[in-house]
Amino acid sequence: MTNLSRRDALIAAGGLGAAAVGAASLFGSADPAAAADCVLLQREVTEGPYYVDLELVRRNIKEDRKGIPLTLRFRVFNVNTCRIIRRAAVEIWHADGSGTYSAVNGNSDTYLRGIQRTNAQGWARFETIYPGWYMGRTPHIHMKLFVSGSEVHTGQVFMKDAVSARVYSRAAYGSRGQADTTNSDDMIYREAGRRALLHLRRKGDRVVDGYTGTLDIGVRPS
């Protein structure tokens, strides 16, 4: 784990990458022509009340939190050119299995928060757990994106209700029961739209093996 100042982290994040999407890699593959048709500007939504500027540059953000494993892979595009953006800084934070955030309300912990830079194929990856729910909100993950040190997107990403229902029936979450709010009942999800839904794939035969969630994020650098 590397703890950088915000200024240093974002300077290190580098500039706009103009390379087209390449062939298959560890993170996936894409056709640049297809990208031009499907990558839309990601809608802005509120960052929420739980953002904390902790400046944690790390891939594994779980710390001691227990839950269903979740690998997140975000690919960042410039919607003006339909090209991937290299070395963009992607920052995420979310609640743990009990619906609690770190670093707020007198809590000095730093779990489930972190920053990663996109690689040569435009992907940023995090290792975390499936987020828990709290009253009045559908399950979600908060996000900020920076390009060349400038904030270019603030948003939230979401999971399908059916997947959340399966996860919340497992031991790490089961004592709390099911989320009290679905995507369709959540005002912020309705603002973000279906383009903010993670594409979730189970890692193994069982829910407890965890999921990989991928999403293309289209932004307009200033």
C-alpha atoms as a PDB file:
ATOM      1  CA  MET A   1       0.000   0.000   0.000  1.00  0.00           C
ATOM      2  CA  THR A   2       1.370   3.405  -0.978  1.00  0.00           C
ATOM      3  CA  ASN A   3       0.093   6.511   0.785  1.00  0.00           C
ATOM      4  CA  LEU A   4       0.582   9.538  -1.491  1.00  0.00           C
ATOM      5  CA  SER A   5      -0.522  13.102  -1.106  1.00  0.00           C
ATOM      6  CA  ARG A   6      -3.493  13.940  -3.341  1.00  0.00           C
ATOM      7  CA  ARG A   7      -1.349  16.288  -5.392  1.00  0.00           C
ATOM      8  CA  ASP A   8       1.404  13.683  -5.869  1.00  0.00           C
ATOM      9  CA  ALA A   9      -1.076  10.889  -6.568  1.00  0.00           C
ATOM     10  CA  LEU A  10      -2.821  12.817  -9.295  1.00  0.00           C
ATOM     11  CA  ILE A  11       0.370  14.117 -10.868  1.00  0.00           C
ATOM     12  CA  ALA A  12       1.610  10.520 -10.894  1.00  0.00           C
ATOM     13  CA  ALA A  13      -1.648   9.525 -12.569  1.00  0.00           C
ATOM     14  CA  GLY A  14      -0.300  11.113 -15.736  1.00  0.00           C
ATOM     15  CA  GLY A  15      -2.001  12.422 -18.817  1.00  0.00           C
ATOM     16  CA  LEU A  16      -4.518  11.359 -21.358  1.00  0.00           C
ATOM     17  CA  GLY A  17      -3.691   8.165 -23.260  1.00  0.00           C
ATOM     18  CA  ALA A  18      -4.557   8.269 -26.948  1.00  0.00           C
ATOM     19  CA  ALA A  19      -3.896   4.606 -27.722  1.00  0.00           C
ATOM     20  CA  ALA A  20      -6.691   2.535 -29.224  1.00  0.00           C
ATOM     21  CA  VAL A  21      -7.950  -0.493 -27.350  1.00  0.00           C
ATOM     22  CA  GLY A  22      -5.635  -3.443 -27.907  1.00  0.00           C
ATOM     23  CA  ALA A  23      -6.077  -7.181 -28.211  1.00  0.00           C
ATOM     24  CA  ALA A  24      -7.001  -9.588 -25.422  1.00  0.00           C
ATOM     25  CA  SER A  25      -5.147  -9.111 -22.132  1.00  0.00           C
ATOM     26  CA  LEU A  26      -5.479 -10.099 -18.512  1.00  0.00           C
ATOM     27  CA  PHE A  27      -8.248  -7.534 -18.153  1.00  0.00           C
ATOM     28  CA  GLY A  28     -10.248  -8.352 -21.290  1.00  0.00           C
ATOM     29  CA  SER A  29     -10.515  -7.317 -24.917  1.00  0.00           C
ATOM     30  CA  ALA A  30     -12.422  -4.862 -27.068  1.00  0.00           C
ATOM     31  CA  ASP A  31     -12.913  -3.757 -30.653  1.00  0.00           C
ATOM     32  CA  PRO A  32     -12.308   0.012 -31.065  1.00  0.00           C
ATOM     33  CA  ALA A  33     -15.117   0.246 -33.621  1.00  0.00           C
ATOM     34  CA  ALA A  34     -17.533  -1.422 -31.227  1.00  0.00           C
ATOM     35  CA  ALA A  35     -16.400   0.932 -28.477  1.00  0.00           C
ATOM     36  CA  ALA A  36     -17.358   3.913 -30.629  1.00  0.00           C
ATOM     37  CA  ASP A  37     -20.919   2.612 -30.782  1.00  0.00           C
ATOM     38  CA  CYS A  38     -21.415   1.635 -27.156  1.00  0.00           C
ATOM     39  CA  VAL A  39     -19.321   3.772 -24.794  1.00  0.00           C
ATOM     40  CA  LEU A  40     -21.519   6.637 -23.651  1.00  0.00           C
ATOM     41  CA  LEU A  41     -20.823   9.462 -21.259  1.00  0.00           C
ATOM     42  CA  GLN A  42     -21.282   8.132 -17.737  1.00  0.00           C
ATOM     43  CA  ARG A  43     -23.941  10.119 -15.927  1.00  0.00           C
ATOM     44  CA  GLU A  44     -22.880  12.194 -12.945  1.00  0.00           C
ATOM     45  CA  VAL A  45     -24.591  11.513  -9.612  1.00  0.00           C
ATOM     46  CA  THR A  46     -23.981  12.695  -6.070  1.00  0.00           C
ATOM     47  CA  GLU A  47     -20.804  11.512  -4.365  1.00  0.00           C
ATOM     48  CA  GLY A  48     -22.822  11.027  -1.158  1.00  0.00           C
ATOM     49  CA  PRO A  49     -21.910  12.004   2.402  1.00  0.00           C
ATOM     50  CA  TYR A  50     -19.069   9.520   2.952  1.00  0.00           C
ATOM     51  CA  TYR A  51     -16.189  10.736   0.765  1.00  0.00           C
ATOM     52  CA  VAL A  52     -12.912  11.102   2.685  1.00  0.00           C
ATOM     53  CA  ASP A  53      -9.667  12.271   1.074  1.00  0.00           C
ATOM     54  CA  LEU A  54      -7.417   9.475   2.409  1.00  0.00           C
ATOM     55  CA  GLU A  55      -5.126   9.287  -0.650  1.00  0.00           C
ATOM     56  CA  LEU A  56      -4.667   5.493  -0.472  1.00  0.00           C
ATOM     57  CA  VAL A  57      -3.141   4.101  -3.668  1.00  0.00           C
ATOM     58  CA  ARG A  58      -3.704   0.346  -3.481  1.00  0.00           C
ATOM     59  CA  ARG A  59      -5.391  -2.510  -5.341  1.00  0.00           C
ATOM     60  CA  ASN A  60      -6.530  -4.601  -2.370  1.00  0.00           C
ATOM     61  CA  ILE A  61      -8.868  -2.471  -0.274  1.00  0.00           C
ATOM     62  CA  LYS A  62     -10.439  -5.200   1.884  1.00  0.00           C
ATOM     63  CA  GLU A  63      -8.233  -4.907   4.978  1.00  0.00           C
ATOM     64  CA  ASP A  64      -9.991  -6.990   7.669  1.00  0.00           C
ATOM     65  CA  ARG A  65     -13.527  -6.819   6.231  1.00  0.00           C
ATOM     66  CA  LYS A  66     -15.304 -10.148   5.732  1.00  0.00           C
ATOM     67  CA  GLY A  67     -17.617 -10.830   2.810  1.00  0.00           C
ATOM     68  CA  ILE A  68     -18.039 -12.375  -0.623  1.00  0.00           C
ATOM     69  CA  PRO A  69     -14.915 -11.609  -2.717  1.00  0.00           C
ATOM     70  CA  LEU A  70     -15.403  -9.045  -5.474  1.00  0.00           C
ATOM     71  CA  THR A  71     -12.869  -8.124  -8.146  1.00  0.00           C
ATOM     72  CA  LEU A  72     -13.683  -4.818  -9.847  1.00  0.00           C
ATOM     73  CA  ARG A  73     -12.353  -3.927 -13.295  1.00  0.00           C
ATOM     74  CA  PHE A  74     -13.106  -0.483 -14.683  1.00  0.00           C
ATOM     75  CA  ARG A  75     -12.081   0.568 -18.196  1.00  0.00           C
ATOM     76  CA  VAL A  76     -11.999   4.312 -18.812  1.00  0.00           C
ATOM     77  CA  PHE A  77     -12.747   5.893 -22.198  1.00  0.00           C
ATOM     78  CA  ASN A  78     -12.658   9.398 -23.626  1.00  0.00           C
ATOM     79  CA  VAL A  79     -16.135   9.780 -25.176  1.00  0.00           C
ATOM     80  CA  ASN A  80     -14.860  12.496 -27.532  1.00  0.00           C
ATOM     81  CA  THR A  81     -12.451  10.088 -29.254  1.00  0.00           C
ATOM     82  CA  CYS A  82     -13.705   6.616 -28.181  1.00  0.00           C
ATOM     83  CA  ARG A  83     -10.134   5.852 -27.101  1.00  0.00           C
ATOM     84  CA  ILE A  84      -9.085   4.414 -23.771  1.00  0.00           C
ATOM     85  CA  ILE A  85      -7.451   6.715 -21.222  1.00  0.00           C
ATOM     86  CA  ARG A  86      -4.170   5.549 -19.791  1.00  0.00           C
ATOM     87  CA  ARG A  87      -3.074   6.394 -16.243  1.00  0.00           C
ATOM     88  CA  ALA A  88      -6.379   7.893 -15.166  1.00  0.00           C
ATOM     89  CA  ALA A  89      -6.816   7.763 -11.375  1.00  0.00           C
ATOM     90  CA  VAL A  90      -9.888   5.776 -10.306  1.00  0.00           C
ATOM     91  CA  GLU A  91     -10.964   6.191  -6.672  1.00  0.00           C
ATOM     92  CA  ILE A  92     -13.661   4.045  -5.040  1.00  0.00           C
ATOM     93  CA  TRP A  93     -15.227   3.589  -1.608  1.00  0.00           C
ATOM     94  CA  HIS A  94     -18.161   1.573  -0.278  1.00  0.00           C
ATOM     95  CA  ALA A  95     -19.848   0.118   2.801  1.00  0.00           C
ATOM     96  CA  ASP A  96     -18.829  -3.160   4.452  1.00  0.00           C
ATOM     97  CA  GLY A  97     -21.102  -6.153   5.026  1.00  0.00           C
ATOM     98  CA  SER A  98     -22.863  -4.388   7.893  1.00  0.00           C
ATOM     99  CA  GLY A  99     -23.567  -1.283   5.807  1.00  0.00           C
ATOM    100  CA  THR A 100     -20.884   0.777   7.590  1.00  0.00           C
ATOM    101  CA  TYR A 101     -18.299   3.094   5.994  1.00  0.00           C
ATOM    102  CA  SER A 102     -14.779   3.577   7.273  1.00  0.00           C
ATOM    103  CA  ALA A 103     -13.318   6.957   8.266  1.00  0.00           C
ATOM    104  CA  VAL A 104     -16.633   8.617   9.210  1.00  0.00           C
ATOM    105  CA  ASN A 105     -18.584   9.255  12.419  1.00  0.00           C
ATOM    106  CA  GLY A 106     -15.440   9.064  14.532  1.00  0.00           C
ATOM    107  CA  ASN A 107     -14.223   5.896  12.807  1.00  0.00           C
ATOM    108  CA  SER A 108     -10.502   6.102  11.929  1.00  0.00           C
ATOM    109  CA  ASP A 109     -10.365   2.880   9.869  1.00  0.00           C
ATOM    110  CA  THR A 110      -9.578   2.953   6.135  1.00  0.00           C
ATOM    111  CA  TYR A 111     -11.172  -0.252   4.857  1.00  0.00           C
ATOM    112  CA  LEU A 112     -12.883  -0.429   1.450  1.00  0.00           C
ATOM    113  CA  ARG A 113     -11.315   2.760   0.106  1.00  0.00           C
ATOM    114  CA  GLY A 114      -8.585   3.097  -2.494  1.00  0.00           C
ATOM    115  CA  ILE A 115      -7.163   4.556  -5.694  1.00  0.00           C
ATOM    116  CA  GLN A 116      -5.781   2.787  -8.766  1.00  0.00           C
ATOM    117  CA  ARG A 117      -4.419   4.063 -12.074  1.00  0.00           C
ATOM    118  CA  THR A 118      -5.553   2.662 -15.410  1.00  0.00           C
ATOM    119  CA  ASN A 119      -3.015   0.527 -17.272  1.00  0.00           C
ATOM    120  CA  ALA A 120      -1.972   0.575 -20.931  1.00  0.00           C
ATOM    121  CA  GLN A 121      -5.316  -0.982 -21.919  1.00  0.00           C
ATOM    122  CA  GLY A 122      -7.327   1.538 -19.888  1.00  0.00           C
ATOM    123  CA  TRP A 123      -8.207  -0.844 -17.018  1.00  0.00           C
ATOM    124  CA  ALA A 124      -8.059  -0.240 -13.262  1.00  0.00           C
ATOM    125  CA  ARG A 125      -8.552  -3.197 -10.915  1.00  0.00           C
ATOM    126  CA  PHE A 126      -9.537  -3.499  -7.259  1.00  0.00           C
ATOM    127  CA  GLU A 127      -9.848  -6.466  -4.903  1.00  0.00           C
ATOM    128  CA  THR A 128     -12.651  -5.937  -2.400  1.00  0.00           C
ATOM    129  CA  ILE A 129     -15.825  -7.540  -1.002  1.00  0.00           C
ATOM    130  CA  TYR A 130     -19.402  -7.302  -2.176  1.00  0.00           C
ATOM    131  CA  PRO A 131     -20.760  -4.134  -0.533  1.00  0.00           C
ATOM    132  CA  GLY A 132     -23.387  -4.348   2.172  1.00  0.00           C
ATOM    133  CA  TRP A 133     -26.584  -2.335   2.198  1.00  0.00           C
ATOM    134  CA  TYR A 134     -27.960   0.304   4.520  1.00  0.00           C
ATOM    135  CA  MET A 135     -31.428   1.696   5.050  1.00  0.00           C
ATOM    136  CA  GLY A 136     -32.969   3.606   2.180  1.00  0.00           C
ATOM    137  CA  ARG A 137     -30.306   2.833  -0.465  1.00  0.00           C
ATOM    138  CA  THR A 138     -29.805   0.062  -2.953  1.00  0.00           C
ATOM    139  CA  PRO A 139     -26.312  -1.559  -2.770  1.00  0.00           C
ATOM    140  CA  HIS A 140     -23.735   0.620  -4.522  1.00  0.00           C
ATOM    141  CA  ILE A 141     -20.081   1.631  -4.876  1.00  0.00           C
ATOM    142  CA  HIS A 142     -18.957   5.269  -5.019  1.00  0.00           C
ATOM    143  CA  MET A 143     -16.454   6.460  -7.620  1.00  0.00           C
ATOM    144  CA  LYS A 144     -14.375   9.460  -8.637  1.00  0.00           C
ATOM    145  CA  LEU A 145     -12.144   9.688 -11.734  1.00  0.00           C
ATOM    146  CA  PHE A 146      -9.239  12.036 -12.359  1.00  0.00           C
ATOM    147  CA  VAL A 147      -7.372  12.712 -15.613  1.00  0.00           C
ATOM    148  CA  SER A 148      -4.169  14.784 -15.594  1.00  0.00           C
ATOM    149  CA  GLY A 149      -4.967  15.814 -12.016  1.00  0.00           C
ATOM    150  CA  SER A 150      -8.475  17.093 -12.809  1.00  0.00           C
ATOM    151  CA  GLU A 151     -11.658  15.475 -11.528  1.00  0.00           C
ATOM    152  CA  VAL A 152     -13.678  14.384 -14.582  1.00  0.00           C
ATOM    153  CA  HIS A 153     -16.381  12.175 -13.066  1.00  0.00           C
ATOM    154  CA  THR A 154     -18.232  11.586  -9.800  1.00  0.00           C
ATOM    155  CA  GLY A 155     -20.689   8.730  -9.732  1.00  0.00           C
ATOM    156  CA  GLN A 156     -21.903   5.454  -8.279  1.00  0.00           C
ATOM    157  CA  VAL A 157     -22.048   1.939  -9.714  1.00  0.00           C
ATOM    158  CA  PHE A 158     -24.603  -0.747  -8.913  1.00  0.00           C
ATOM    159  CA  MET A 159     -25.277  -4.496  -8.920  1.00  0.00           C
ATOM    160  CA  LYS A 160     -28.302  -6.405 -10.200  1.00  0.00           C
ATOM    161  CA  ASP A 161     -30.937  -7.005  -7.529  1.00  0.00           C
ATOM    162  CA  ALA A 162     -30.935 -10.769  -8.151  1.00  0.00           C
ATOM    163  CA  VAL A 163     -27.195 -11.025  -7.487  1.00  0.00           C
ATOM    164  CA  SER A 164     -27.463  -8.955  -4.318  1.00  0.00           C
ATOM    165  CA  ALA A 165     -30.277 -11.201  -3.086  1.00  0.00           C
ATOM    166  CA  ARG A 166     -28.098 -14.292  -3.521  1.00  0.00           C
ATOM    167  CA  VAL A 167     -25.148 -12.650  -1.768  1.00  0.00           C
ATOM    168  CA  TYR A 168     -27.190 -11.385   1.172  1.00  0.00           C
ATOM    169  CA  SER A 169     -28.502 -14.870   1.883  1.00  0.00           C
ATOM    170  CA  ARG A 170     -24.953 -16.030   2.711  1.00  0.00           C
ATOM    171  CA  ALA A 171     -23.388 -16.156   6.171  1.00  0.00           C
ATOM    172  CA  ALA A 172     -21.310 -12.982   5.921  1.00  0.00           C
ATOM    173  CA  TYR A 173     -24.460 -10.943   5.254  1.00  0.00           C
ATOM    174  CA  GLY A 174     -27.348 -13.223   6.205  1.00  0.00           C
ATOM    175  CA  SER A 175     -27.925 -11.927   9.719  1.00  0.00           C
ATOM    176  CA  ARG A 176     -29.087  -8.589   8.272  1.00  0.00           C
ATOM    177  CA  GLY A 177     -31.466 -10.051   5.712  1.00  0.00           C
ATOM    178  CA  GLN A 178     -32.209  -8.585   2.307  1.00  0.00           C
ATOM    179  CA  ALA A 179     -31.706  -4.978   1.237  1.00  0.00           C
ATOM    180  CA  ASP A 180     -34.729  -2.794   1.977  1.00  0.00           C
ATOM    181  CA  THR A 181     -34.377  -0.868  -1.309  1.00  0.00           C
ATOM    182  CA  THR A 182     -34.133  -2.212  -4.865  1.00  0.00           C
ATOM    183  CA  ASN A 183     -32.489  -0.489  -7.805  1.00  0.00           C
ATOM    184  CA  SER A 184     -35.826   0.620  -9.242  1.00  0.00           C
ATOM    185  CA  ASP A 185     -36.761   2.229  -5.918  1.00  0.00           C
ATOM    186  CA  ASP A 186     -33.447   4.085  -5.556  1.00  0.00           C
ATOM    187  CA  MET A 187     -33.472   7.683  -6.809  1.00  0.00           C
ATOM    188  CA  ILE A 188     -29.713   7.763  -7.462  1.00  0.00           C
ATOM    189  CA  TYR A 189     -29.821   4.526  -9.458  1.00  0.00           C
ATOM    190  CA  ARG A 190     -32.615   6.002 -11.570  1.00  0.00           C
ATOM    191  CA  GLU A 191     -30.431   9.051 -12.244  1.00  0.00           C
ATOM    192  CA  ALA A 192     -27.402   6.925 -13.155  1.00  0.00           C
ATOM    193  CA  GLY A 193     -29.300   4.479 -15.373  1.00  0.00           C
ATOM    194  CA  ARG A 194     -28.453   0.968 -16.540  1.00  0.00           C
ATOM    195  CA  ARG A 195     -25.061   2.028 -17.863  1.00  0.00           C
ATOM    196  CA  ALA A 196     -23.970   2.191 -14.208  1.00  0.00           C
ATOM    197  CA  LEU A 197     -24.717  -1.524 -13.641  1.00  0.00           C
ATOM    198  CA  LEU A 198     -21.693  -3.758 -13.160  1.00  0.00           C
ATOM    199  CA  HIS A 199     -21.458  -6.783 -15.436  1.00  0.00           C
ATOM    200  CA  LEU A 200     -21.037  -9.497 -12.817  1.00  0.00           C
ATOM    201  CA  ARG A 201     -19.592 -12.956 -13.447  1.00  0.00           C
ATOM    202  CA  ARG A 202     -19.285 -15.600 -10.758  1.00  0.00           C
ATOM    203  CA  LYS A 203     -15.707 -16.770 -10.154  1.00  0.00           C
ATOM    204  CA  GLY A 204     -16.635 -20.367  -9.372  1.00  0.00           C
ATOM    205  CA  ASP A 205     -19.571 -22.704  -8.986  1.00  0.00           C
ATOM    206  CA  ARG A 206     -20.693 -21.172  -5.693  1.00  0.00           C
ATOM    207  CA  VAL A 207     -21.715 -17.676  -4.658  1.00  0.00           C
ATOM    208  CA  VAL A 208     -19.113 -17.777  -1.881  1.00  0.00           C
ATOM    209  CA  ASP A 209     -16.379 -18.085  -4.541  1.00  0.00           C
ATOM    210  CA  GLY A 210     -17.081 -14.462  -5.348  1.00  0.00           C
ATOM    211  CA  TYR A 211     -17.688 -12.323  -8.417  1.00  0.00           C
ATOM    212  CA  THR A 212     -15.816 -10.274 -10.979  1.00  0.00           C
ATOM    213  CA  GLY A 213     -17.532  -7.033 -11.934  1.00  0.00           C
ATOM    214  CA  THR A 214     -16.572  -5.066 -15.051  1.00  0.00           C
ATOM    215  CA  LEU A 215     -17.741  -1.727 -16.386  1.00  0.00           C
ATOM    216  CA  ASP A 216     -16.739   0.710 -19.128  1.00  0.00           C
ATOM    217  CA  ILE A 217     -16.747   4.312 -17.930  1.00  0.00           C
ATOM    218  CA  GLY A 218     -17.045   7.049 -20.528  1.00  0.00           C
ATOM    219  CA  VAL A 219     -15.797  10.481 -19.468  1.00  0.00           C
ATOM    220  CA  ARG A 220     -15.136  13.810 -21.170  1.00  0.00           C
ATOM    221  CA  PRO A 221     -11.728  15.158 -20.066  1.00  0.00           C
ATOM    222  CA  SER A 222     -11.579  18.923 -19.728  1.00  0.00           C
END
